[in-house]
Amino acid sequence: MRVGIILAPLDEINVGLLLETCSQRKRPPNGFGGAFMNDEKERHLHRILRLIAHAAVVTALSLGAASASEVPARKSGLWIVKSQDNPFANWSMCVNDKNNTFLNSDVWSNFKKECKVRSLTRSGNGYSLISNCNSSLTGDVRLIVDFSGDFRTAYTFKSTTEARGPSQQVDRQTITVSASFAGECPAGMRPGMKRMERQ
């Protein structure tokens, strides 16, 4: 996201203004033309500025996609998930390399399809992720997830959802979850399968 801020001055609006300024520049009488651009140099500058603007957009988009992929993958096997403030967030789950992203199983079902990552920042051993999610059940929701851990033996996260109600008030809900690795999946428990646990 920092790169996006750095490249902001190169957006279409600012480049357009710069190009317009260059095109409006008039050359002075003969003898002083060396201090100003001729038509050929001006066209060349236009091309360069357009290329820079295009490269800035492509770079920002590619870095945004790379940031989303930085979420650590869990080790394959059985994971035990527990929450002290949400009785429904207590289960065991069999994980393999096809369902190893905790965002989809622990935080938001269909995260990949329904959520768009706005930022992912790292601080020490932890991460902070901000997304906008939308589904037929929830409507538009802002999702903030702070998480940490090695994702080999354990991880923890705090998930906060923010949504506007009918009168535009913000409804905010937060849950805190801890997960620990418990070894191999038991017989009969296929990868991706969840078993709800009682408190």
C-alpha atoms as a PDB file:
ATOM      1  CA  MET A   1       0.000   0.000   0.000  1.00  0.00           C
ATOM      2  CA  ARG A   2       2.901   2.356   0.586  1.00  0.00           C
ATOM      3  CA  VAL A   3       3.897   1.922  -3.051  1.00  0.00           C
ATOM      4  CA  GLY A   4       0.402   2.981  -4.091  1.00  0.00           C
ATOM      5  CA  ILE A   5       0.792   6.187  -2.094  1.00  0.00           C
ATOM      6  CA  ILE A   6       4.196   6.911  -3.608  1.00  0.00           C
ATOM      7  CA  LEU A   7       2.834   6.430  -7.108  1.00  0.00           C
ATOM      8  CA  ALA A   8      -0.323   8.461  -6.542  1.00  0.00           C
ATOM      9  CA  PRO A   9       1.095  11.629  -8.185  1.00  0.00           C
ATOM     10  CA  LEU A  10       1.398   9.645 -11.433  1.00  0.00           C
ATOM     11  CA  ASP A  11      -2.323   8.955 -11.802  1.00  0.00           C
ATOM     12  CA  GLU A  12      -4.220   9.867 -14.966  1.00  0.00           C
ATOM     13  CA  ILE A  13      -5.450  13.207 -13.603  1.00  0.00           C
ATOM     14  CA  ASN A  14      -2.004  14.507 -12.662  1.00  0.00           C
ATOM     15  CA  VAL A  15      -0.361  13.200 -15.830  1.00  0.00           C
ATOM     16  CA  GLY A  16      -3.147  14.789 -17.858  1.00  0.00           C
ATOM     17  CA  LEU A  17      -2.557  18.145 -16.201  1.00  0.00           C
ATOM     18  CA  LEU A  18       1.166  17.927 -16.859  1.00  0.00           C
ATOM     19  CA  LEU A  19       0.604  17.016 -20.502  1.00  0.00           C
ATOM     20  CA  GLU A  20      -1.847  19.877 -20.881  1.00  0.00           C
ATOM     21  CA  THR A  21       0.663  22.307 -19.356  1.00  0.00           C
ATOM     22  CA  CYS A  22       3.345  21.136 -21.771  1.00  0.00           C
ATOM     23  CA  SER A  23       1.066  21.432 -24.798  1.00  0.00           C
ATOM     24  CA  GLN A  24       0.038  24.975 -23.866  1.00  0.00           C
ATOM     25  CA  ARG A  25       3.623  26.158 -23.669  1.00  0.00           C
ATOM     26  CA  LYS A  26       4.489  28.494 -26.519  1.00  0.00           C
ATOM     27  CA  ARG A  27       7.897  28.840 -28.050  1.00  0.00           C
ATOM     28  CA  PRO A  28       9.423  32.349 -27.922  1.00  0.00           C
ATOM     29  CA  PRO A  29      10.818  34.227 -30.912  1.00  0.00           C
ATOM     30  CA  ASN A  30      13.868  32.888 -32.742  1.00  0.00           C
ATOM     31  CA  GLY A  31      17.024  32.937 -30.732  1.00  0.00           C
ATOM     32  CA  PHE A  32      15.449  31.695 -27.502  1.00  0.00           C
ATOM     33  CA  GLY A  33      14.056  28.369 -28.710  1.00  0.00           C
ATOM     34  CA  GLY A  34      16.788  26.418 -26.927  1.00  0.00           C
ATOM     35  CA  ALA A  35      15.183  27.144 -23.564  1.00  0.00           C
ATOM     36  CA  PHE A  36      11.916  25.478 -24.572  1.00  0.00           C
ATOM     37  CA  MET A  37      10.909  22.116 -25.985  1.00  0.00           C
ATOM     38  CA  ASN A  38      10.239  21.794 -29.698  1.00  0.00           C
ATOM     39  CA  ASP A  39       7.260  19.760 -30.920  1.00  0.00           C
ATOM     40  CA  GLU A  40       9.242  16.548 -31.310  1.00  0.00           C
ATOM     41  CA  LYS A  41      10.647  16.709 -27.772  1.00  0.00           C
ATOM     42  CA  GLU A  42       7.194  17.534 -26.417  1.00  0.00           C
ATOM     43  CA  ARG A  43       5.646  14.476 -28.104  1.00  0.00           C
ATOM     44  CA  HIS A  44       8.490  12.369 -26.754  1.00  0.00           C
ATOM     45  CA  LEU A  45       7.806  13.641 -23.222  1.00  0.00           C
ATOM     46  CA  HIS A  46       4.104  12.807 -23.642  1.00  0.00           C
ATOM     47  CA  ARG A  47       4.980   9.223 -24.557  1.00  0.00           C
ATOM     48  CA  ILE A  48       7.344   8.863 -21.600  1.00  0.00           C
ATOM     49  CA  LEU A  49       4.787  10.226 -19.134  1.00  0.00           C
ATOM     50  CA  ARG A  50       2.105   7.875 -20.416  1.00  0.00           C
ATOM     51  CA  LEU A  51       4.472   4.907 -20.097  1.00  0.00           C
ATOM     52  CA  ILE A  52       5.371   5.938 -16.539  1.00  0.00           C
ATOM     53  CA  ALA A  53       1.707   6.261 -15.582  1.00  0.00           C
ATOM     54  CA  HIS A  54       0.902   2.850 -17.084  1.00  0.00           C
ATOM     55  CA  ALA A  55       3.860   1.239 -15.305  1.00  0.00           C
ATOM     56  CA  ALA A  56       2.760   2.804 -12.017  1.00  0.00           C
ATOM     57  CA  VAL A  57      -0.733   1.333 -12.283  1.00  0.00           C
ATOM     58  CA  VAL A  58       0.536  -2.118 -13.281  1.00  0.00           C
ATOM     59  CA  THR A  59       3.096  -2.123 -10.466  1.00  0.00           C
ATOM     60  CA  ALA A  60       0.539  -1.092  -7.850  1.00  0.00           C
ATOM     61  CA  LEU A  61      -1.895  -3.796  -8.965  1.00  0.00           C
ATOM     62  CA  SER A  62       0.747  -6.528  -9.027  1.00  0.00           C
ATOM     63  CA  LEU A  63       2.015  -5.568  -5.575  1.00  0.00           C
ATOM     64  CA  GLY A  64      -1.537  -5.607  -4.213  1.00  0.00           C
ATOM     65  CA  ALA A  65      -2.026  -9.151  -5.478  1.00  0.00           C
ATOM     66  CA  ALA A  66       1.316 -10.232  -4.032  1.00  0.00           C
ATOM     67  CA  SER A  67       0.379  -8.765  -0.650  1.00  0.00           C
ATOM     68  CA  ALA A  68      -2.749 -10.915  -0.435  1.00  0.00           C
ATOM     69  CA  SER A  69      -0.651 -14.043  -1.055  1.00  0.00           C
ATOM     70  CA  GLU A  70       1.584 -13.245   1.922  1.00  0.00           C
ATOM     71  CA  VAL A  71      -0.947 -14.701   4.388  1.00  0.00           C
ATOM     72  CA  PRO A  72       0.883 -17.734   5.858  1.00  0.00           C
ATOM     73  CA  ALA A  73      -0.307 -21.240   4.988  1.00  0.00           C
ATOM     74  CA  ARG A  74      -1.114 -23.687   7.782  1.00  0.00           C
ATOM     75  CA  LYS A  75       0.663 -26.991   8.200  1.00  0.00           C
ATOM     76  CA  SER A  76      -1.340 -29.962   6.938  1.00  0.00           C
ATOM     77  CA  GLY A  77      -3.025 -31.994   9.669  1.00  0.00           C
ATOM     78  CA  LEU A  78      -5.562 -31.512  12.456  1.00  0.00           C
ATOM     79  CA  TRP A  79      -6.098 -28.027  13.878  1.00  0.00           C
ATOM     80  CA  ILE A  80      -8.077 -27.209  17.025  1.00  0.00           C
ATOM     81  CA  VAL A  81      -9.759 -23.794  16.980  1.00  0.00           C
ATOM     82  CA  LYS A  82     -11.070 -22.160  20.166  1.00  0.00           C
ATOM     83  CA  SER A  83     -12.656 -18.830  21.059  1.00  0.00           C
ATOM     84  CA  GLN A  84     -13.438 -17.383  24.468  1.00  0.00           C
ATOM     85  CA  ASP A  85     -15.966 -14.839  23.194  1.00  0.00           C
ATOM     86  CA  ASN A  86     -17.802 -16.780  20.464  1.00  0.00           C
ATOM     87  CA  PRO A  87     -19.261 -20.212  21.295  1.00  0.00           C
ATOM     88  CA  PHE A  88     -19.716 -20.964  17.588  1.00  0.00           C
ATOM     89  CA  ALA A  89     -15.995 -20.562  16.841  1.00  0.00           C
ATOM     90  CA  ASN A  90     -14.917 -23.818  18.449  1.00  0.00           C
ATOM     91  CA  TRP A  91     -14.082 -26.723  16.174  1.00  0.00           C
ATOM     92  CA  SER A  92     -11.463 -29.134  14.901  1.00  0.00           C
ATOM     93  CA  MET A  93     -10.555 -29.156  11.234  1.00  0.00           C
ATOM     94  CA  CYS A  94      -8.541 -31.368   8.930  1.00  0.00           C
ATOM     95  CA  VAL A  95      -6.252 -29.230   6.774  1.00  0.00           C
ATOM     96  CA  ASN A  96      -4.314 -30.033   3.625  1.00  0.00           C
ATOM     97  CA  ASP A  97      -2.662 -27.923   0.940  1.00  0.00           C
ATOM     98  CA  LYS A  98      -6.032 -27.125  -0.676  1.00  0.00           C
ATOM     99  CA  ASN A  99      -7.626 -25.541   2.429  1.00  0.00           C
ATOM    100  CA  ASN A 100      -4.604 -24.217   4.287  1.00  0.00           C
ATOM    101  CA  THR A 101      -5.636 -20.535   4.381  1.00  0.00           C
ATOM    102  CA  PHE A 102      -7.265 -19.740   7.720  1.00  0.00           C
ATOM    103  CA  LEU A 103      -9.127 -16.730   6.304  1.00  0.00           C
ATOM    104  CA  ASN A 104     -11.501 -18.999   4.378  1.00  0.00           C
ATOM    105  CA  SER A 105     -12.182 -21.516   7.144  1.00  0.00           C
ATOM    106  CA  ASP A 106     -11.892 -19.462  10.357  1.00  0.00           C
ATOM    107  CA  VAL A 107     -12.738 -15.868   9.448  1.00  0.00           C
ATOM    108  CA  TRP A 108     -15.050 -15.606   6.434  1.00  0.00           C
ATOM    109  CA  SER A 109     -16.507 -18.409   4.316  1.00  0.00           C
ATOM    110  CA  ASN A 110     -15.723 -17.843   0.629  1.00  0.00           C
ATOM    111  CA  PHE A 111     -13.193 -15.154   1.543  1.00  0.00           C
ATOM    112  CA  LYS A 112     -11.473 -15.479  -1.836  1.00  0.00           C
ATOM    113  CA  LYS A 113     -14.722 -14.879  -3.738  1.00  0.00           C
ATOM    114  CA  GLU A 114     -16.495 -12.361  -1.511  1.00  0.00           C
ATOM    115  CA  CYS A 115     -13.662 -10.242  -0.085  1.00  0.00           C
ATOM    116  CA  LYS A 116     -11.206  -7.821  -1.621  1.00  0.00           C
ATOM    117  CA  VAL A 117      -7.995  -7.130   0.288  1.00  0.00           C
ATOM    118  CA  ARG A 118      -7.384  -3.408   0.727  1.00  0.00           C
ATOM    119  CA  SER A 119      -4.164  -3.635   2.720  1.00  0.00           C
ATOM    120  CA  LEU A 120      -1.917  -6.168   4.404  1.00  0.00           C
ATOM    121  CA  THR A 121       0.816  -4.825   6.657  1.00  0.00           C
ATOM    122  CA  ARG A 122       3.373  -6.645   8.752  1.00  0.00           C
ATOM    123  CA  SER A 123       4.658  -5.489  12.128  1.00  0.00           C
ATOM    124  CA  GLY A 124       7.156  -7.745  13.895  1.00  0.00           C
ATOM    125  CA  ASN A 125       5.642 -11.233  14.030  1.00  0.00           C
ATOM    126  CA  GLY A 126       2.114 -10.059  13.333  1.00  0.00           C
ATOM    127  CA  TYR A 127      -0.015  -8.948  10.418  1.00  0.00           C
ATOM    128  CA  SER A 128      -2.942  -6.602  10.011  1.00  0.00           C
ATOM    129  CA  LEU A 129      -5.340  -7.160   7.113  1.00  0.00           C
ATOM    130  CA  ILE A 130      -8.179  -4.894   5.980  1.00  0.00           C
ATOM    131  CA  SER A 131     -10.750  -6.116   3.455  1.00  0.00           C
ATOM    132  CA  ASN A 132     -14.115  -5.194   2.030  1.00  0.00           C
ATOM    133  CA  CYS A 133     -16.481  -8.168   1.860  1.00  0.00           C
ATOM    134  CA  ASN A 134     -19.889  -8.514   0.286  1.00  0.00           C
ATOM    135  CA  SER A 135     -22.431 -11.337   0.269  1.00  0.00           C
ATOM    136  CA  SER A 136     -26.183 -11.734  -0.079  1.00  0.00           C
ATOM    137  CA  LEU A 137     -26.406 -12.418   3.657  1.00  0.00           C
ATOM    138  CA  THR A 138     -24.240  -9.600   5.017  1.00  0.00           C
ATOM    139  CA  GLY A 139     -24.205  -6.894   2.353  1.00  0.00           C
ATOM    140  CA  ASP A 140     -21.133  -4.651   2.416  1.00  0.00           C
ATOM    141  CA  VAL A 141     -18.855  -5.301   5.394  1.00  0.00           C
ATOM    142  CA  ARG A 142     -15.457  -3.955   6.378  1.00  0.00           C
ATOM    143  CA  LEU A 143     -13.293  -6.733   7.805  1.00  0.00           C
ATOM    144  CA  ILE A 144     -10.198  -6.137   9.952  1.00  0.00           C
ATOM    145  CA  VAL A 145      -8.066  -9.125  10.957  1.00  0.00           C
ATOM    146  CA  ASP A 146      -5.006  -8.938  13.204  1.00  0.00           C
ATOM    147  CA  PHE A 147      -3.151 -12.255  13.313  1.00  0.00           C
ATOM    148  CA  SER A 148       0.157 -13.796  14.331  1.00  0.00           C
ATOM    149  CA  GLY A 149       1.845 -17.157  14.837  1.00  0.00           C
ATOM    150  CA  ASP A 150       4.094 -19.585  12.987  1.00  0.00           C
ATOM    151  CA  PHE A 151       1.129 -21.483  11.435  1.00  0.00           C
ATOM    152  CA  ARG A 152       3.106 -24.678  12.038  1.00  0.00           C
ATOM    153  CA  THR A 153       2.258 -25.151  15.694  1.00  0.00           C
ATOM    154  CA  ALA A 154      -0.164 -22.321  16.511  1.00  0.00           C
ATOM    155  CA  TYR A 155      -1.715 -19.022  15.472  1.00  0.00           C
ATOM    156  CA  THR A 156      -4.093 -16.449  16.926  1.00  0.00           C
ATOM    157  CA  PHE A 157      -6.267 -13.767  15.416  1.00  0.00           C
ATOM    158  CA  LYS A 158      -8.736 -11.034  16.267  1.00  0.00           C
ATOM    159  CA  SER A 159     -11.428 -10.443  13.674  1.00  0.00           C
ATOM    160  CA  THR A 160     -13.617  -7.318  13.584  1.00  0.00           C
ATOM    161  CA  THR A 161     -16.508  -6.766  11.194  1.00  0.00           C
ATOM    162  CA  GLU A 162     -18.053  -3.348  10.633  1.00  0.00           C
ATOM    163  CA  ALA A 163     -21.374  -2.867   8.835  1.00  0.00           C
ATOM    164  CA  ARG A 164     -23.854  -0.003   8.602  1.00  0.00           C
ATOM    165  CA  GLY A 165     -27.389  -0.607   9.840  1.00  0.00           C
ATOM    166  CA  PRO A 166     -30.653   0.817   8.444  1.00  0.00           C
ATOM    167  CA  SER A 167     -30.103   4.137  10.217  1.00  0.00           C
ATOM    168  CA  GLN A 168     -26.438   4.263   9.072  1.00  0.00           C
ATOM    169  CA  GLN A 169     -25.097   3.411  12.516  1.00  0.00           C
ATOM    170  CA  VAL A 170     -21.984   1.196  12.478  1.00  0.00           C
ATOM    171  CA  ASP A 171     -22.517  -2.286  13.888  1.00  0.00           C
ATOM    172  CA  ARG A 172     -19.174  -3.686  15.074  1.00  0.00           C
ATOM    173  CA  GLN A 173     -18.484  -7.266  16.170  1.00  0.00           C
ATOM    174  CA  THR A 174     -15.151  -8.693  17.331  1.00  0.00           C
ATOM    175  CA  ILE A 175     -14.053 -12.251  18.089  1.00  0.00           C
ATOM    176  CA  THR A 176     -10.701 -13.540  19.320  1.00  0.00           C
ATOM    177  CA  VAL A 177      -9.536 -17.005  18.298  1.00  0.00           C
ATOM    178  CA  SER A 178      -6.578 -19.258  19.037  1.00  0.00           C
ATOM    179  CA  ALA A 179      -5.657 -22.365  17.041  1.00  0.00           C
ATOM    180  CA  SER A 180      -3.173 -25.140  17.756  1.00  0.00           C
ATOM    181  CA  PHE A 181      -1.815 -28.021  15.705  1.00  0.00           C
ATOM    182  CA  ALA A 182      -2.854 -31.471  16.975  1.00  0.00           C
ATOM    183  CA  GLY A 183      -1.004 -33.862  14.669  1.00  0.00           C
ATOM    184  CA  GLU A 184      -2.426 -36.157  12.010  1.00  0.00           C
ATOM    185  CA  CYS A 185      -6.095 -36.078  11.078  1.00  0.00           C
ATOM    186  CA  PRO A 186      -8.065 -38.943  12.667  1.00  0.00           C
ATOM    187  CA  ALA A 187      -9.369 -41.803  10.543  1.00  0.00           C
ATOM    188  CA  GLY A 188     -12.575 -40.913   8.745  1.00  0.00           C
ATOM    189  CA  MET A 189     -11.935 -37.150   8.862  1.00  0.00           C
ATOM    190  CA  ARG A 190     -11.289 -35.957   5.335  1.00  0.00           C
ATOM    191  CA  PRO A 191      -9.345 -32.777   4.451  1.00  0.00           C
ATOM    192  CA  GLY A 192     -11.613 -29.743   4.698  1.00  0.00           C
ATOM    193  CA  MET A 193     -13.969 -31.430   7.168  1.00  0.00           C
ATOM    194  CA  LYS A 194     -14.929 -29.593  10.384  1.00  0.00           C
ATOM    195  CA  ARG A 195     -16.236 -30.953  13.648  1.00  0.00           C
ATOM    196  CA  MET A 196     -17.899 -28.531  16.015  1.00  0.00           C
ATOM    197  CA  GLU A 197     -16.722 -28.780  19.615  1.00  0.00           C
ATOM    198  CA  ARG A 198     -18.645 -28.003  22.774  1.00  0.00           C
ATOM    199  CA  GLN A 199     -17.384 -25.396  25.212  1.00  0.00           C
END
